[in-house]
């Protein structure tokens, strides 16, 4: 009896080990089930309509994260009006403006009121990238803040499948979306960034997301909406930004010290 037991115990252990490995492998990977194109088109159409319904937006957004120099935090003022007008301000201590940027179809202007300096360029995405850590056009900022993650009018689905409770949409030319069963966009990925919406804001019947997680090759940040008004009348001068008399014009490369992700900002260098 002892001899049989000494043989059976190792065999049982081997069988148990193989069974656990097989069970773990099947549990780790959900099968991909193709999704009809009509279903995806309808979901994207609804999300585009929901995002486009946010015609005007103004509010305070808290940003926290990690960048090349370590942890950072700040408070932003974000104002936009479709199709192409955007204003972002980075607030410092006691609510003072460290910099204000206004982008329109004609380009972008950034004013640093403290040192009386400014930047004015045609390439909006380049300047936004230097200030926020990710190259973004105004319509991409609007897409992120209104919950679609990407500008849905500019992408074309190439493949879609269900994996567990999530539907994944791949786009021609790169990029992907993840959708919940409630047609909320859970995450969006482009060549420049990955955006994730961690809360069920549509289920809560909010018009806009209350939190956004944004990741690039340089930074990872969480943006939390503190207070926002949607589709209210904006100030007539919301997208007007005057250059102070005697202000010095900077090159875009000179503003790195005032970027959101710089933990201890220093004044931009004079040209």
C-alpha atoms as a PDB file:
ATOM      1  CA  UNK A   1       0.000   0.000   0.000  1.00  0.00           C
ATOM      2  CA  UNK A   2       2.878   2.314   0.825  1.00  0.00           C
ATOM      3  CA  UNK A   3       4.511   1.659  -2.574  1.00  0.00           C
ATOM      4  CA  UNK A   4       1.318   2.495  -4.482  1.00  0.00           C
ATOM      5  CA  UNK A   5       0.898   5.691  -2.426  1.00  0.00           C
ATOM      6  CA  UNK A   6       4.471   6.789  -3.223  1.00  0.00           C
ATOM      7  CA  UNK A   7       3.753   6.419  -6.953  1.00  0.00           C
ATOM      8  CA  UNK A   8       0.266   7.915  -6.989  1.00  0.00           C
ATOM      9  CA  UNK A   9       1.108  11.075  -5.050  1.00  0.00           C
ATOM     10  CA  UNK A  10       3.645  12.443  -7.621  1.00  0.00           C
ATOM     11  CA  UNK A  11       1.278  11.527 -10.471  1.00  0.00           C
ATOM     12  CA  UNK A  12      -1.573  13.371  -8.758  1.00  0.00           C
ATOM     13  CA  UNK A  13       0.620  16.430  -8.208  1.00  0.00           C
ATOM     14  CA  UNK A  14       1.682  16.485 -11.874  1.00  0.00           C
ATOM     15  CA  UNK A  15      -1.945  16.146 -13.021  1.00  0.00           C
ATOM     16  CA  UNK A  16      -3.030  18.931 -10.670  1.00  0.00           C
ATOM     17  CA  UNK A  17      -0.218  21.197 -11.926  1.00  0.00           C
ATOM     18  CA  UNK A  18      -1.163  20.620 -15.584  1.00  0.00           C
ATOM     19  CA  UNK A  19      -4.828  21.197 -14.810  1.00  0.00           C
ATOM     20  CA  UNK A  20      -4.080  24.472 -13.037  1.00  0.00           C
ATOM     21  CA  UNK A  21      -1.949  25.718 -15.938  1.00  0.00           C
ATOM     22  CA  UNK A  22      -4.660  24.898 -18.448  1.00  0.00           C
ATOM     23  CA  UNK A  23      -7.328  26.507 -16.295  1.00  0.00           C
ATOM     24  CA  UNK A  24      -5.207  29.640 -15.772  1.00  0.00           C
ATOM     25  CA  UNK A  25      -4.455  29.984 -19.467  1.00  0.00           C
ATOM     26  CA  UNK A  26      -8.122  29.813 -20.425  1.00  0.00           C
ATOM     27  CA  UNK A  27      -9.115  32.261 -17.691  1.00  0.00           C
ATOM     28  CA  UNK A  28      -6.467  34.857 -18.605  1.00  0.00           C
ATOM     29  CA  UNK A  29      -7.445  35.380 -22.251  1.00  0.00           C
ATOM     30  CA  UNK A  30     -11.009  36.083 -23.321  1.00  0.00           C
ATOM     31  CA  UNK A  31     -11.855  34.906 -26.866  1.00  0.00           C
ATOM     32  CA  UNK A  32     -12.360  37.536 -29.561  1.00  0.00           C
ATOM     33  CA  UNK A  33     -15.835  37.505 -31.047  1.00  0.00           C
ATOM     34  CA  UNK A  34     -16.369  39.538 -34.250  1.00  0.00           C
ATOM     35  CA  UNK A  35     -18.874  42.400 -34.020  1.00  0.00           C
ATOM     36  CA  UNK A  36     -21.102  43.506 -36.885  1.00  0.00           C
ATOM     37  CA  UNK A  37     -20.008  46.734 -38.555  1.00  0.00           C
ATOM     38  CA  UNK A  38     -23.536  48.170 -38.295  1.00  0.00           C
ATOM     39  CA  UNK A  39     -23.463  47.834 -34.495  1.00  0.00           C
ATOM     40  CA  UNK A  40     -20.143  49.676 -34.260  1.00  0.00           C
ATOM     41  CA  UNK A  41     -21.206  52.382 -36.713  1.00  0.00           C
ATOM     42  CA  UNK A  42     -24.297  53.064 -34.621  1.00  0.00           C
ATOM     43  CA  UNK A  43     -22.291  53.240 -31.374  1.00  0.00           C
ATOM     44  CA  UNK A  44     -19.742  55.615 -32.880  1.00  0.00           C
ATOM     45  CA  UNK A  45     -22.473  57.748 -34.423  1.00  0.00           C
ATOM     46  CA  UNK A  46     -24.117  58.132 -31.015  1.00  0.00           C
ATOM     47  CA  UNK A  47     -20.822  58.993 -29.319  1.00  0.00           C
ATOM     48  CA  UNK A  48     -20.008  61.557 -31.974  1.00  0.00           C
ATOM     49  CA  UNK A  49     -23.444  63.135 -31.553  1.00  0.00           C
ATOM     50  CA  UNK A  50     -23.023  63.239 -27.751  1.00  0.00           C
ATOM     51  CA  UNK A  51     -19.569  64.827 -28.006  1.00  0.00           C
ATOM     52  CA  UNK A  52     -20.621  67.337 -30.662  1.00  0.00           C
ATOM     53  CA  UNK A  53     -23.553  68.409 -28.478  1.00  0.00           C
ATOM     54  CA  UNK A  54     -20.963  69.964 -26.140  1.00  0.00           C
ATOM     55  CA  UNK A  55     -20.701  73.126 -28.214  1.00  0.00           C
ATOM     56  CA  UNK A  56     -19.248  75.339 -25.487  1.00  0.00           C
ATOM     57  CA  UNK A  57     -17.323  74.376 -22.369  1.00  0.00           C
ATOM     58  CA  UNK A  58     -15.787  76.362 -19.516  1.00  0.00           C
ATOM     59  CA  UNK A  59     -14.507  75.121 -16.224  1.00  0.00           C
ATOM     60  CA  UNK A  60     -11.719  74.320 -13.768  1.00  0.00           C
ATOM     61  CA  UNK A  61      -9.749  71.106 -14.147  1.00  0.00           C
ATOM     62  CA  UNK A  62      -7.306  69.682 -11.611  1.00  0.00           C
ATOM     63  CA  UNK A  63      -4.323  67.857 -13.127  1.00  0.00           C
ATOM     64  CA  UNK A  64      -1.984  65.511 -11.264  1.00  0.00           C
ATOM     65  CA  UNK A  65       0.606  63.099 -12.579  1.00  0.00           C
ATOM     66  CA  UNK A  66       4.199  62.187 -13.251  1.00  0.00           C
ATOM     67  CA  UNK A  67       6.527  63.578 -15.877  1.00  0.00           C
ATOM     68  CA  UNK A  68      10.233  63.674 -16.765  1.00  0.00           C
ATOM     69  CA  UNK A  69      11.047  65.546 -13.546  1.00  0.00           C
ATOM     70  CA  UNK A  70       8.808  63.582 -11.184  1.00  0.00           C
ATOM     71  CA  UNK A  71       5.380  64.314  -9.766  1.00  0.00           C
ATOM     72  CA  UNK A  72       3.425  67.435 -10.664  1.00  0.00           C
ATOM     73  CA  UNK A  73       0.038  69.007 -10.026  1.00  0.00           C
ATOM     74  CA  UNK A  74      -1.786  72.100 -11.147  1.00  0.00           C
ATOM     75  CA  UNK A  75      -5.116  73.707 -11.877  1.00  0.00           C
ATOM     76  CA  UNK A  76      -6.266  74.583 -15.378  1.00  0.00           C
ATOM     77  CA  UNK A  77      -8.965  76.810 -16.774  1.00  0.00           C
ATOM     78  CA  UNK A  78     -10.341  75.189 -19.945  1.00  0.00           C
ATOM     79  CA  UNK A  79     -12.691  77.048 -22.290  1.00  0.00           C
ATOM     80  CA  UNK A  80     -13.659  76.038 -25.802  1.00  0.00           C
ATOM     81  CA  UNK A  81     -16.211  76.757 -28.456  1.00  0.00           C
ATOM     82  CA  UNK A  82     -16.580  74.510 -31.463  1.00  0.00           C
ATOM     83  CA  UNK A  83     -15.300  74.224 -34.052  1.00  0.00           C
ATOM     84  CA  UNK A  84     -11.827  75.620 -33.322  1.00  0.00           C
ATOM     85  CA  UNK A  85     -11.581  78.150 -30.469  1.00  0.00           C
ATOM     86  CA  UNK A  86      -9.738  77.065 -27.333  1.00  0.00           C
ATOM     87  CA  UNK A  87      -8.388  78.804 -24.237  1.00  0.00           C
ATOM     88  CA  UNK A  88      -6.288  77.153 -21.522  1.00  0.00           C
ATOM     89  CA  UNK A  89      -4.793  78.849 -18.489  1.00  0.00           C
ATOM     90  CA  UNK A  90      -2.419  77.373 -15.936  1.00  0.00           C
ATOM     91  CA  UNK A  91      -3.102  78.827 -12.501  1.00  0.00           C
ATOM     92  CA  UNK A  92      -0.436  79.288  -9.885  1.00  0.00           C
ATOM     93  CA  UNK A  93      -0.522  80.162  -6.219  1.00  0.00           C
ATOM     94  CA  UNK A  94      -3.585  82.083  -5.028  1.00  0.00           C
ATOM     95  CA  UNK A  95      -5.220  81.649  -8.440  1.00  0.00           C
ATOM     96  CA  UNK A  96      -2.760  83.868 -10.310  1.00  0.00           C
ATOM     97  CA  UNK A  97      -2.305  83.021 -14.010  1.00  0.00           C
ATOM     98  CA  UNK A  98       1.115  81.557 -14.812  1.00  0.00           C
ATOM     99  CA  UNK A  99       0.293  81.486 -18.503  1.00  0.00           C
ATOM    100  CA  UNK A 100      -2.739  81.814 -20.763  1.00  0.00           C
ATOM    101  CA  UNK A 101      -2.979  80.290 -24.238  1.00  0.00           C
ATOM    102  CA  UNK A 102      -5.596  80.989 -26.908  1.00  0.00           C
ATOM    103  CA  UNK A 103      -5.780  78.898 -30.084  1.00  0.00           C
ATOM    104  CA  UNK A 104      -7.962  79.654 -33.100  1.00  0.00           C
ATOM    105  CA  UNK A 105      -7.881  78.818 -36.800  1.00  0.00           C
ATOM    106  CA  UNK A 106      -5.116  81.387 -37.270  1.00  0.00           C
ATOM    107  CA  UNK A 107      -2.699  79.855 -34.731  1.00  0.00           C
ATOM    108  CA  UNK A 108      -1.867  80.102 -31.045  1.00  0.00           C
ATOM    109  CA  UNK A 109      -0.771  82.875 -28.694  1.00  0.00           C
ATOM    110  CA  UNK A 110       0.607  82.283 -25.207  1.00  0.00           C
ATOM    111  CA  UNK A 111       1.142  85.091 -22.709  1.00  0.00           C
ATOM    112  CA  UNK A 112       3.269  84.861 -19.550  1.00  0.00           C
ATOM    113  CA  UNK A 113       1.974  87.847 -17.557  1.00  0.00           C
ATOM    114  CA  UNK A 114       4.577  87.703 -14.767  1.00  0.00           C
ATOM    115  CA  UNK A 115       7.762  88.099 -16.832  1.00  0.00           C
ATOM    116  CA  UNK A 116       5.851  89.953 -19.598  1.00  0.00           C
ATOM    117  CA  UNK A 117       6.694  87.488 -22.353  1.00  0.00           C
ATOM    118  CA  UNK A 118       4.691  85.795 -25.094  1.00  0.00           C
ATOM    119  CA  UNK A 119       4.747  83.218 -27.890  1.00  0.00           C
ATOM    120  CA  UNK A 120       2.854  83.480 -31.164  1.00  0.00           C
ATOM    121  CA  UNK A 121       2.954  80.636 -33.698  1.00  0.00           C
ATOM    122  CA  UNK A 122       0.946  78.985 -36.458  1.00  0.00           C
ATOM    123  CA  UNK A 123       1.722  75.444 -35.283  1.00  0.00           C
ATOM    124  CA  UNK A 124      -0.825  74.984 -32.492  1.00  0.00           C
ATOM    125  CA  UNK A 125      -0.028  71.339 -31.730  1.00  0.00           C
ATOM    126  CA  UNK A 126       3.688  72.045 -31.283  1.00  0.00           C
ATOM    127  CA  UNK A 127       3.105  74.790 -28.701  1.00  0.00           C
ATOM    128  CA  UNK A 128       0.385  72.812 -26.885  1.00  0.00           C
ATOM    129  CA  UNK A 129       2.780  69.872 -26.742  1.00  0.00           C
ATOM    130  CA  UNK A 130       5.443  71.999 -25.097  1.00  0.00           C
ATOM    131  CA  UNK A 131       2.975  73.327 -22.521  1.00  0.00           C
ATOM    132  CA  UNK A 132       0.964  70.170 -21.750  1.00  0.00           C
ATOM    133  CA  UNK A 133       3.291  67.323 -22.728  1.00  0.00           C
ATOM    134  CA  UNK A 134       1.185  66.029 -25.634  1.00  0.00           C
ATOM    135  CA  UNK A 135       0.740  67.460 -29.129  1.00  0.00           C
ATOM    136  CA  UNK A 136      -2.931  68.331 -29.521  1.00  0.00           C
ATOM    137  CA  UNK A 137      -5.006  70.360 -31.923  1.00  0.00           C
ATOM    138  CA  UNK A 138      -7.987  72.266 -30.467  1.00  0.00           C
ATOM    139  CA  UNK A 139     -10.484  69.698 -31.798  1.00  0.00           C
ATOM    140  CA  UNK A 140      -8.554  66.916 -30.050  1.00  0.00           C
ATOM    141  CA  UNK A 141      -8.727  68.767 -26.720  1.00  0.00           C
ATOM    142  CA  UNK A 142     -12.478  69.140 -27.269  1.00  0.00           C
ATOM    143  CA  UNK A 143     -12.809  65.412 -28.010  1.00  0.00           C
ATOM    144  CA  UNK A 144     -10.893  64.473 -24.856  1.00  0.00           C
ATOM    145  CA  UNK A 145     -12.867  66.757 -22.569  1.00  0.00           C
ATOM    146  CA  UNK A 146     -16.260  65.823 -24.057  1.00  0.00           C
ATOM    147  CA  UNK A 147     -15.763  62.054 -23.745  1.00  0.00           C
ATOM    148  CA  UNK A 148     -15.038  60.696 -27.225  1.00  0.00           C
ATOM    149  CA  UNK A 149     -11.276  60.462 -26.699  1.00  0.00           C
ATOM    150  CA  UNK A 150     -10.540  61.095 -30.375  1.00  0.00           C
ATOM    151  CA  UNK A 151     -12.111  63.231 -33.083  1.00  0.00           C
ATOM    152  CA  UNK A 152     -14.522  60.586 -34.391  1.00  0.00           C
ATOM    153  CA  UNK A 153     -15.121  62.448 -37.659  1.00  0.00           C
ATOM    154  CA  UNK A 154     -11.516  61.759 -38.678  1.00  0.00           C
ATOM    155  CA  UNK A 155     -11.280  57.985 -38.062  1.00  0.00           C
ATOM    156  CA  UNK A 156     -12.453  54.965 -40.043  1.00  0.00           C
ATOM    157  CA  UNK A 157     -13.060  51.562 -38.356  1.00  0.00           C
ATOM    158  CA  UNK A 158     -11.195  48.657 -39.933  1.00  0.00           C
ATOM    159  CA  UNK A 159     -12.029  45.868 -37.474  1.00  0.00           C
ATOM    160  CA  UNK A 160     -14.205  45.331 -34.410  1.00  0.00           C
ATOM    161  CA  UNK A 161     -14.558  42.503 -31.940  1.00  0.00           C
ATOM    162  CA  UNK A 162     -15.918  41.749 -28.484  1.00  0.00           C
ATOM    163  CA  UNK A 163     -13.546  40.572 -25.774  1.00  0.00           C
ATOM    164  CA  UNK A 164     -15.358  39.857 -22.544  1.00  0.00           C
ATOM    165  CA  UNK A 165     -17.579  42.821 -21.649  1.00  0.00           C
ATOM    166  CA  UNK A 166     -15.658  45.211 -23.915  1.00  0.00           C
ATOM    167  CA  UNK A 167     -15.979  45.948 -27.611  1.00  0.00           C
ATOM    168  CA  UNK A 168     -12.709  46.890 -29.301  1.00  0.00           C
ATOM    169  CA  UNK A 169     -12.612  48.989 -32.467  1.00  0.00           C
ATOM    170  CA  UNK A 170      -9.419  49.199 -34.522  1.00  0.00           C
ATOM    171  CA  UNK A 171      -8.949  52.089 -36.943  1.00  0.00           C
ATOM    172  CA  UNK A 172      -7.379  52.179 -40.369  1.00  0.00           C
ATOM    173  CA  UNK A 173      -4.020  53.899 -40.057  1.00  0.00           C
ATOM    174  CA  UNK A 174      -3.638  52.950 -36.392  1.00  0.00           C
ATOM    175  CA  UNK A 175      -5.426  53.649 -33.139  1.00  0.00           C
ATOM    176  CA  UNK A 176      -8.212  51.928 -31.227  1.00  0.00           C
ATOM    177  CA  UNK A 177     -11.260  52.489 -29.043  1.00  0.00           C
ATOM    178  CA  UNK A 178     -12.777  50.404 -26.284  1.00  0.00           C
ATOM    179  CA  UNK A 179     -16.545  50.621 -25.742  1.00  0.00           C
ATOM    180  CA  UNK A 180     -18.716  49.434 -22.895  1.00  0.00           C
ATOM    181  CA  UNK A 181     -22.086  47.719 -23.406  1.00  0.00           C
ATOM    182  CA  UNK A 182     -23.653  51.087 -22.564  1.00  0.00           C
ATOM    183  CA  UNK A 183     -21.795  52.635 -25.525  1.00  0.00           C
ATOM    184  CA  UNK A 184     -19.527  54.707 -23.301  1.00  0.00           C
ATOM    185  CA  UNK A 185     -16.002  55.039 -24.651  1.00  0.00           C
ATOM    186  CA  UNK A 186     -13.739  53.475 -22.031  1.00  0.00           C
ATOM    187  CA  UNK A 187     -10.423  54.277 -23.690  1.00  0.00           C
ATOM    188  CA  UNK A 188      -8.964  55.712 -26.884  1.00  0.00           C
ATOM    189  CA  UNK A 189      -5.489  55.304 -28.277  1.00  0.00           C
ATOM    190  CA  UNK A 190      -3.720  57.284 -30.994  1.00  0.00           C
ATOM    191  CA  UNK A 191      -0.090  57.568 -32.034  1.00  0.00           C
ATOM    192  CA  UNK A 192       0.318  60.508 -29.631  1.00  0.00           C
ATOM    193  CA  UNK A 193      -1.579  59.469 -26.517  1.00  0.00           C
ATOM    194  CA  UNK A 194      -3.803  57.010 -24.704  1.00  0.00           C
ATOM    195  CA  UNK A 195      -6.891  58.327 -22.936  1.00  0.00           C
ATOM    196  CA  UNK A 196      -8.957  56.369 -20.421  1.00  0.00           C
ATOM    197  CA  UNK A 197     -12.279  57.260 -18.799  1.00  0.00           C
ATOM    198  CA  UNK A 198     -12.315  55.338 -15.502  1.00  0.00           C
ATOM    199  CA  UNK A 199     -15.778  56.369 -14.259  1.00  0.00           C
ATOM    200  CA  UNK A 200     -19.230  55.423 -15.561  1.00  0.00           C
ATOM    201  CA  UNK A 201     -20.169  59.021 -16.327  1.00  0.00           C
ATOM    202  CA  UNK A 202     -22.829  58.170 -18.895  1.00  0.00           C
ATOM    203  CA  UNK A 203     -24.574  55.821 -16.494  1.00  0.00           C
ATOM    204  CA  UNK A 204     -24.592  58.706 -13.998  1.00  0.00           C
ATOM    205  CA  UNK A 205     -26.334  60.800 -16.703  1.00  0.00           C
ATOM    206  CA  UNK A 206     -23.549  63.351 -16.866  1.00  0.00           C
ATOM    207  CA  UNK A 207     -23.124  65.278 -20.104  1.00  0.00           C
ATOM    208  CA  UNK A 208     -19.331  65.192 -19.849  1.00  0.00           C
ATOM    209  CA  UNK A 209     -16.811  62.916 -18.140  1.00  0.00           C
ATOM    210  CA  UNK A 210     -15.701  63.846 -14.641  1.00  0.00           C
ATOM    211  CA  UNK A 211     -12.261  62.242 -14.908  1.00  0.00           C
ATOM    212  CA  UNK A 212      -9.742  61.522 -17.644  1.00  0.00           C
ATOM    213  CA  UNK A 213      -6.461  59.599 -17.488  1.00  0.00           C
ATOM    214  CA  UNK A 214      -3.997  60.678 -20.166  1.00  0.00           C
ATOM    215  CA  UNK A 215      -0.734  58.870 -20.951  1.00  0.00           C
ATOM    216  CA  UNK A 216       2.069  59.668 -23.402  1.00  0.00           C
ATOM    217  CA  UNK A 217       5.685  58.576 -23.723  1.00  0.00           C
ATOM    218  CA  UNK A 218       6.591  61.478 -21.395  1.00  0.00           C
ATOM    219  CA  UNK A 219       3.790  61.876 -18.887  1.00  0.00           C
ATOM    220  CA  UNK A 220       0.920  60.137 -17.161  1.00  0.00           C
ATOM    221  CA  UNK A 221      -1.748  62.436 -15.757  1.00  0.00           C
ATOM    222  CA  UNK A 222      -5.217  62.382 -14.254  1.00  0.00           C
ATOM    223  CA  UNK A 223      -7.509  65.297 -15.058  1.00  0.00           C
ATOM    224  CA  UNK A 224     -10.407  65.785 -12.657  1.00  0.00           C
ATOM    225  CA  UNK A 225     -13.199  68.200 -13.521  1.00  0.00           C
ATOM    226  CA  UNK A 226     -13.825  70.388 -10.478  1.00  0.00           C
ATOM    227  CA  UNK A 227     -16.472  72.734 -11.856  1.00  0.00           C
ATOM    228  CA  UNK A 228     -17.722  73.165 -15.396  1.00  0.00           C
ATOM    229  CA  UNK A 229     -20.530  74.801 -17.368  1.00  0.00           C
ATOM    230  CA  UNK A 230     -21.624  73.349 -20.692  1.00  0.00           C
ATOM    231  CA  UNK A 231     -23.279  75.254 -23.522  1.00  0.00           C
ATOM    232  CA  UNK A 232     -23.621  78.490 -21.580  1.00  0.00           C
ATOM    233  CA  UNK A 233     -22.900  81.872 -23.123  1.00  0.00           C
ATOM    234  CA  UNK A 234     -19.185  82.651 -22.999  1.00  0.00           C
ATOM    235  CA  UNK A 235     -17.597  86.013 -22.356  1.00  0.00           C
ATOM    236  CA  UNK A 236     -17.237  88.030 -25.555  1.00  0.00           C
ATOM    237  CA  UNK A 237     -13.474  88.214 -24.960  1.00  0.00           C
ATOM    238  CA  UNK A 238     -12.964  84.589 -23.952  1.00  0.00           C
ATOM    239  CA  UNK A 239     -10.718  83.998 -26.955  1.00  0.00           C
ATOM    240  CA  UNK A 240      -9.025  87.401 -26.951  1.00  0.00           C
ATOM    241  CA  UNK A 241      -5.552  87.533 -25.427  1.00  0.00           C
ATOM    242  CA  UNK A 242      -3.712  90.836 -25.402  1.00  0.00           C
ATOM    243  CA  UNK A 243       0.073  91.010 -25.417  1.00  0.00           C
ATOM    244  CA  UNK A 244       1.306  93.326 -22.633  1.00  0.00           C
ATOM    245  CA  UNK A 245       3.050  96.475 -23.775  1.00  0.00           C
ATOM    246  CA  UNK A 246       6.774  95.931 -24.020  1.00  0.00           C
ATOM    247  CA  UNK A 247       6.488  92.125 -23.766  1.00  0.00           C
ATOM    248  CA  UNK A 248       9.349  90.066 -25.176  1.00  0.00           C
ATOM    249  CA  UNK A 249       8.568  87.474 -27.831  1.00  0.00           C
ATOM    250  CA  UNK A 250       9.895  83.965 -27.165  1.00  0.00           C
ATOM    251  CA  UNK A 251      10.609  80.979 -29.351  1.00  0.00           C
ATOM    252  CA  UNK A 252       8.427  77.918 -28.593  1.00  0.00           C
ATOM    253  CA  UNK A 253      11.530  76.078 -27.347  1.00  0.00           C
ATOM    254  CA  UNK A 254      11.960  78.735 -24.641  1.00  0.00           C
ATOM    255  CA  UNK A 255       8.781  77.863 -22.729  1.00  0.00           C
ATOM    256  CA  UNK A 256       9.822  74.437 -21.420  1.00  0.00           C
ATOM    257  CA  UNK A 257      10.228  75.710 -17.861  1.00  0.00           C
ATOM    258  CA  UNK A 258       6.563  76.715 -17.714  1.00  0.00           C
ATOM    259  CA  UNK A 259       5.144  73.366 -18.878  1.00  0.00           C
ATOM    260  CA  UNK A 260       2.416  71.822 -16.733  1.00  0.00           C
ATOM    261  CA  UNK A 261       4.535  68.718 -16.070  1.00  0.00           C
ATOM    262  CA  UNK A 262       7.528  70.682 -14.750  1.00  0.00           C
ATOM    263  CA  UNK A 263       7.498  70.211 -10.979  1.00  0.00           C
ATOM    264  CA  UNK A 264       9.361  73.405 -10.095  1.00  0.00           C
ATOM    265  CA  UNK A 265       8.777  75.929 -12.876  1.00  0.00           C
ATOM    266  CA  UNK A 266      11.342  78.567 -13.705  1.00  0.00           C
ATOM    267  CA  UNK A 267      10.751  81.648 -15.885  1.00  0.00           C
ATOM    268  CA  UNK A 268      11.238  81.203 -19.657  1.00  0.00           C
ATOM    269  CA  UNK A 269      14.552  82.401 -21.067  1.00  0.00           C
ATOM    270  CA  UNK A 270      14.617  85.662 -22.997  1.00  0.00           C
ATOM    271  CA  UNK A 271      15.605  85.452 -26.620  1.00  0.00           C
END
